[in-house]
Amino acid sequence: MNITKMQAELFCVNCNQDTLHDVIYLEESIERISCTACETTLEIDEKLVLSTYAAALFKRINTKPKRINEEMKNELSKFLCSIPIRLVTKPYRMVKEFKNIKNIMK
């Protein structure tokens, strides 16, 4: 899951002026916008965030066989060396990713 934090100058209705805002994206969707001056936060509905995450996860799962196949064709020896480690660490990486999503929604 791709989480991106950017800053942009936007008009804050609370400050009544243009101020710097932190904009957090979850994949290609805005998850939260926070004014750095007054700390007013505009959050997107949690259900929408989770549905975006689920759609992105489904897309990654759906394209995984093709990506693995391409990886095997391009660099078989590297693939064969890395696959045992990846099989062991993947569950931990997925849990870490999910916790990251949960922390952003808090």
N, C-alpha and C. Protein backbone atom coordinates (compact mmCIF):
# COMPACT_ATOMS: atom_id res chain seq x y z
N MET A 1 0.85 -1.17 0.00
CA MET A 1 0.00 0.00 0.00
C MET A 1 0.89 1.22 0.00
N ASN A 2 0.60 2.12 -0.88
CA ASN A 2 1.40 3.33 -1.02
C ASN A 2 0.77 4.47 -0.23
N ILE A 3 1.49 4.94 0.77
CA ILE A 3 1.05 6.07 1.59
C ILE A 3 2.00 7.22 1.33
N THR A 4 1.46 8.36 0.91
CA THR A 4 2.28 9.51 0.56
C THR A 4 1.85 10.72 1.37
N LYS A 5 2.83 11.45 1.89
CA LYS A 5 2.53 12.68 2.62
C LYS A 5 3.15 13.84 1.83
N MET A 6 2.32 14.83 1.54
CA MET A 6 2.78 16.00 0.80
C MET A 6 2.33 17.25 1.54
N GLN A 7 2.94 18.36 1.17
CA GLN A 7 2.51 19.64 1.73
C GLN A 7 2.05 20.53 0.58
N ALA A 8 1.00 21.29 0.85
CA ALA A 8 0.45 22.20 -0.15
C ALA A 8 -0.09 23.43 0.55
N GLU A 9 -0.02 24.54 -0.16
CA GLU A 9 -0.62 25.76 0.38
C GLU A 9 -2.06 25.82 -0.08
N LEU A 10 -2.97 25.77 0.89
CA LEU A 10 -4.40 25.77 0.62
C LEU A 10 -5.08 26.82 1.49
N PHE A 11 -6.31 27.17 1.12
CA PHE A 11 -7.07 28.12 1.92
C PHE A 11 -7.68 27.38 3.09
N CYS A 12 -7.41 27.85 4.29
CA CYS A 12 -7.98 27.26 5.51
C CYS A 12 -9.18 28.10 5.94
N VAL A 13 -10.35 27.48 6.07
CA VAL A 13 -11.55 28.20 6.46
C VAL A 13 -11.50 28.60 7.93
N ASN A 14 -10.72 27.88 8.73
CA ASN A 14 -10.59 28.22 10.14
C ASN A 14 -9.66 29.43 10.32
N CYS A 15 -8.54 29.45 9.61
CA CYS A 15 -7.58 30.57 9.69
C CYS A 15 -8.01 31.75 8.82
N ASN A 16 -8.87 31.46 7.85
CA ASN A 16 -9.35 32.46 6.89
C ASN A 16 -8.21 33.05 6.04
N GLN A 17 -7.26 32.20 5.70
CA GLN A 17 -6.15 32.61 4.83
C GLN A 17 -5.48 31.38 4.23
N ASP A 18 -4.59 31.62 3.27
CA ASP A 18 -3.82 30.53 2.69
C ASP A 18 -2.74 30.11 3.68
N THR A 19 -2.72 28.82 4.01
CA THR A 19 -1.71 28.28 4.94
C THR A 19 -1.19 26.96 4.39
N LEU A 20 -0.10 26.51 4.97
CA LEU A 20 0.49 25.24 4.59
C LEU A 20 -0.34 24.10 5.19
N HIS A 21 -0.63 23.09 4.39
CA HIS A 21 -1.41 21.93 4.83
C HIS A 21 -0.63 20.65 4.55
N ASP A 22 -0.78 19.67 5.44
CA ASP A 22 -0.27 18.33 5.19
C ASP A 22 -1.39 17.54 4.53
N VAL A 23 -1.07 16.94 3.38
CA VAL A 23 -2.05 16.14 2.64
C VAL A 23 -1.52 14.71 2.62
N ILE A 24 -2.31 13.78 3.15
CA ILE A 24 -1.91 12.37 3.18
C ILE A 24 -2.77 11.60 2.19
N TYR A 25 -2.06 10.92 1.27
CA TYR A 25 -2.71 10.10 0.24
C TYR A 25 -2.57 8.64 0.60
N LEU A 26 -3.61 7.88 0.36
CA LEU A 26 -3.60 6.43 0.47
C LEU A 26 -3.83 5.94 -0.95
N GLU A 27 -2.77 5.38 -1.54
CA GLU A 27 -2.75 5.09 -2.97
C GLU A 27 -2.97 6.40 -3.73
N GLU A 28 -4.06 6.53 -4.46
CA GLU A 28 -4.31 7.74 -5.22
C GLU A 28 -5.43 8.60 -4.62
N SER A 29 -5.91 8.21 -3.45
CA SER A 29 -7.02 8.93 -2.82
C SER A 29 -6.53 9.71 -1.61
N ILE A 30 -7.11 10.88 -1.40
CA ILE A 30 -6.78 11.69 -0.24
C ILE A 30 -7.42 11.06 0.99
N GLU A 31 -6.60 10.84 2.03
CA GLU A 31 -7.11 10.26 3.27
C GLU A 31 -7.36 11.34 4.30
N ARG A 32 -6.45 12.34 4.38
CA ARG A 32 -6.58 13.38 5.39
C ARG A 32 -5.86 14.65 4.93
N ILE A 33 -6.42 15.82 5.31
CA ILE A 33 -5.79 17.12 5.06
C ILE A 33 -5.78 17.86 6.39
N SER A 34 -4.58 18.32 6.81
CA SER A 34 -4.45 19.02 8.09
C SER A 34 -3.76 20.36 7.89
N CYS A 35 -4.31 21.40 8.48
CA CYS A 35 -3.69 22.73 8.46
C CYS A 35 -2.53 22.71 9.45
N THR A 36 -1.35 23.15 9.02
CA THR A 36 -0.20 23.16 9.92
C THR A 36 -0.26 24.33 10.89
N ALA A 37 -1.03 25.37 10.59
CA ALA A 37 -1.12 26.54 11.47
C ALA A 37 -2.09 26.30 12.63
N CYS A 38 -3.32 25.91 12.32
CA CYS A 38 -4.32 25.75 13.38
C CYS A 38 -4.63 24.28 13.70
N GLU A 39 -4.04 23.38 12.95
CA GLU A 39 -4.19 21.94 13.14
C GLU A 39 -5.62 21.42 12.92
N THR A 40 -6.42 22.18 12.19
CA THR A 40 -7.75 21.70 11.80
C THR A 40 -7.55 20.57 10.79
N THR A 41 -8.30 19.50 10.97
CA THR A 41 -8.12 18.34 10.10
C THR A 41 -9.43 17.98 9.41
N LEU A 42 -9.31 17.70 8.13
CA LEU A 42 -10.41 17.19 7.33
C LEU A 42 -10.07 15.75 7.02
N GLU A 43 -10.91 14.83 7.49
CA GLU A 43 -10.64 13.41 7.27
C GLU A 43 -11.69 12.81 6.36
N ILE A 44 -11.24 11.84 5.59
CA ILE A 44 -12.13 11.10 4.71
C ILE A 44 -12.72 9.94 5.52
N ASP A 45 -13.94 9.55 5.20
CA ASP A 45 -14.64 8.48 5.91
C ASP A 45 -13.80 7.20 5.97
N GLU A 46 -13.74 6.59 7.14
CA GLU A 46 -12.94 5.39 7.37
C GLU A 46 -13.34 4.25 6.43
N LYS A 47 -14.63 4.12 6.17
CA LYS A 47 -15.10 3.06 5.27
C LYS A 47 -14.56 3.26 3.86
N LEU A 48 -14.47 4.52 3.43
CA LEU A 48 -13.92 4.82 2.11
C LEU A 48 -12.43 4.49 2.06
N VAL A 49 -11.72 4.80 3.13
CA VAL A 49 -10.29 4.49 3.20
C VAL A 49 -10.07 2.98 3.13
N LEU A 50 -10.84 2.24 3.91
CA LEU A 50 -10.70 0.78 3.91
C LEU A 50 -11.11 0.17 2.58
N SER A 51 -12.12 0.73 1.93
CA SER A 51 -12.52 0.19 0.62
C SER A 51 -11.45 0.47 -0.43
N THR A 52 -10.79 1.63 -0.32
CA THR A 52 -9.68 1.94 -1.23
C THR A 52 -8.53 0.97 -1.00
N TYR A 53 -8.24 0.72 0.27
CA TYR A 53 -7.18 -0.23 0.62
C TYR A 53 -7.53 -1.62 0.09
N ALA A 54 -8.76 -2.06 0.29
CA ALA A 54 -9.19 -3.39 -0.16
C ALA A 54 -9.10 -3.51 -1.68
N ALA A 55 -9.50 -2.46 -2.39
CA ALA A 55 -9.43 -2.49 -3.85
C ALA A 55 -7.98 -2.58 -4.33
N ALA A 56 -7.10 -1.81 -3.70
CA ALA A 56 -5.68 -1.84 -4.07
C ALA A 56 -5.07 -3.20 -3.74
N LEU A 57 -5.44 -3.76 -2.59
CA LEU A 57 -4.93 -5.07 -2.19
C LEU A 57 -5.42 -6.15 -3.16
N PHE A 58 -6.68 -6.10 -3.54
CA PHE A 58 -7.22 -7.06 -4.51
C PHE A 58 -6.48 -6.97 -5.84
N LYS A 59 -6.19 -5.74 -6.27
CA LYS A 59 -5.46 -5.55 -7.53
C LYS A 59 -4.06 -6.15 -7.43
N ARG A 60 -3.39 -5.95 -6.29
CA ARG A 60 -2.05 -6.51 -6.11
C ARG A 60 -2.09 -8.04 -6.09
N ILE A 61 -3.09 -8.60 -5.43
CA ILE A 61 -3.22 -10.06 -5.38
C ILE A 61 -3.52 -10.61 -6.78
N ASN A 62 -4.38 -9.92 -7.49
CA ASN A 62 -4.79 -10.35 -8.82
C ASN A 62 -3.63 -10.32 -9.82
N THR A 63 -2.72 -9.36 -9.69
CA THR A 63 -1.60 -9.24 -10.64
C THR A 63 -0.34 -9.96 -10.17
N LYS A 64 -0.35 -10.55 -8.98
CA LYS A 64 0.84 -11.21 -8.43
C LYS A 64 1.35 -12.34 -9.31
N PRO A 65 0.51 -13.24 -9.81
CA PRO A 65 1.04 -14.32 -10.67
C PRO A 65 1.79 -13.78 -11.90
N LYS A 66 1.27 -12.75 -12.50
CA LYS A 66 1.93 -12.16 -13.67
C LYS A 66 3.28 -11.54 -13.28
N ARG A 67 3.30 -10.84 -12.14
CA ARG A 67 4.55 -10.22 -11.69
C ARG A 67 5.60 -11.26 -11.33
N ILE A 68 5.17 -12.36 -10.70
CA ILE A 68 6.10 -13.43 -10.36
C ILE A 68 6.63 -14.09 -11.63
N ASN A 69 5.78 -14.31 -12.58
CA ASN A 69 6.18 -14.91 -13.85
C ASN A 69 7.22 -14.04 -14.56
N GLU A 70 6.99 -12.74 -14.60
CA GLU A 70 7.95 -11.82 -15.22
C GLU A 70 9.28 -11.84 -14.48
N GLU A 71 9.21 -11.89 -13.16
CA GLU A 71 10.41 -11.93 -12.34
C GLU A 71 11.21 -13.21 -12.61
N MET A 72 10.52 -14.33 -12.75
CA MET A 72 11.21 -15.59 -13.05
C MET A 72 11.86 -15.54 -14.43
N LYS A 73 11.18 -14.97 -15.40
CA LYS A 73 11.73 -14.87 -16.76
C LYS A 73 12.95 -13.97 -16.81
N ASN A 74 12.90 -12.85 -16.09
CA ASN A 74 13.98 -11.87 -16.15
C ASN A 74 15.23 -12.29 -15.38
N GLU A 75 15.06 -12.77 -14.15
CA GLU A 75 16.20 -13.13 -13.31
C GLU A 75 15.85 -14.35 -12.47
N LEU A 76 15.96 -15.51 -13.06
CA LEU A 76 15.56 -16.74 -12.39
C LEU A 76 16.41 -17.02 -11.15
N SER A 77 17.71 -16.85 -11.25
CA SER A 77 18.57 -17.17 -10.10
C SER A 77 18.28 -16.23 -8.92
N LYS A 78 18.09 -14.96 -9.19
CA LYS A 78 17.76 -14.01 -8.12
C LYS A 78 16.41 -14.37 -7.51
N PHE A 79 15.45 -14.74 -8.35
CA PHE A 79 14.12 -15.12 -7.88
C PHE A 79 14.20 -16.34 -6.97
N LEU A 80 14.94 -17.37 -7.40
CA LEU A 80 15.05 -18.60 -6.62
C LEU A 80 15.74 -18.37 -5.28
N CYS A 81 16.69 -17.45 -5.24
CA CYS A 81 17.37 -17.14 -3.98
C CYS A 81 16.47 -16.34 -3.03
N SER A 82 15.64 -15.50 -3.58
CA SER A 82 14.83 -14.62 -2.73
C SER A 82 13.51 -15.23 -2.28
N ILE A 83 12.99 -16.19 -2.99
CA ILE A 83 11.65 -16.71 -2.69
C ILE A 83 11.51 -17.30 -1.29
N PRO A 84 12.48 -18.05 -0.75
CA PRO A 84 12.28 -18.58 0.61
C PRO A 84 12.14 -17.48 1.66
N ILE A 85 12.95 -16.45 1.55
CA ILE A 85 12.88 -15.33 2.49
C ILE A 85 11.55 -14.60 2.34
N ARG A 86 11.14 -14.39 1.12
CA ARG A 86 9.90 -13.67 0.86
C ARG A 86 8.69 -14.43 1.39
N LEU A 87 8.71 -15.75 1.26
CA LEU A 87 7.59 -16.56 1.77
C LEU A 87 7.47 -16.47 3.28
N VAL A 88 8.61 -16.37 3.96
CA VAL A 88 8.60 -16.27 5.42
C VAL A 88 8.20 -14.87 5.87
N THR A 89 8.71 -13.85 5.20
CA THR A 89 8.50 -12.47 5.66
C THR A 89 7.19 -11.84 5.18
N LYS A 90 6.55 -12.40 4.17
CA LYS A 90 5.34 -11.79 3.62
C LYS A 90 4.23 -11.59 4.65
N PRO A 91 3.92 -12.58 5.48
CA PRO A 91 2.87 -12.35 6.48
C PRO A 91 3.19 -11.18 7.41
N TYR A 92 4.44 -11.07 7.82
CA TYR A 92 4.84 -9.95 8.69
C TYR A 92 4.73 -8.61 7.98
N ARG A 93 5.10 -8.60 6.70
CA ARG A 93 4.99 -7.34 5.93
C ARG A 93 3.53 -6.94 5.75
N MET A 94 2.64 -7.91 5.57
CA MET A 94 1.21 -7.61 5.42
C MET A 94 0.64 -7.07 6.72
N VAL A 95 1.02 -7.66 7.85
CA VAL A 95 0.56 -7.18 9.16
C VAL A 95 1.06 -5.76 9.39
N LYS A 96 2.32 -5.51 9.07
CA LYS A 96 2.89 -4.17 9.23
C LYS A 96 2.14 -3.15 8.36
N GLU A 97 1.83 -3.54 7.14
CA GLU A 97 1.09 -2.66 6.24
C GLU A 97 -0.30 -2.35 6.79
N PHE A 98 -0.99 -3.36 7.28
CA PHE A 98 -2.32 -3.15 7.84
C PHE A 98 -2.28 -2.25 9.07
N LYS A 99 -1.27 -2.46 9.94
CA LYS A 99 -1.12 -1.60 11.12
C LYS A 99 -0.86 -0.16 10.70
N ASN A 100 -0.09 0.02 9.66
CA ASN A 100 0.20 1.35 9.13
C ASN A 100 -1.09 2.04 8.69
N ILE A 101 -1.96 1.32 8.01
CA ILE A 101 -3.25 1.85 7.57
C ILE A 101 -4.10 2.22 8.80
N LYS A 102 -4.13 1.33 9.78
CA LYS A 102 -4.91 1.60 11.00
C LYS A 102 -4.41 2.84 11.74
N ASN A 103 -3.07 3.02 11.80
CA ASN A 103 -2.49 4.18 12.47
C ASN A 103 -2.82 5.47 11.75
N ILE A 104 -2.86 5.43 10.44
CA ILE A 104 -3.20 6.64 9.66
C ILE A 104 -4.64 7.02 9.91
N MET A 105 -5.52 6.04 10.09
CA MET A 105 -6.94 6.35 10.29
C MET A 105 -7.23 6.88 11.68
N LYS A 106 -6.30 6.75 12.63
CA LYS A 106 -6.53 7.26 14.00
C LYS A 106 -6.32 8.74 14.05
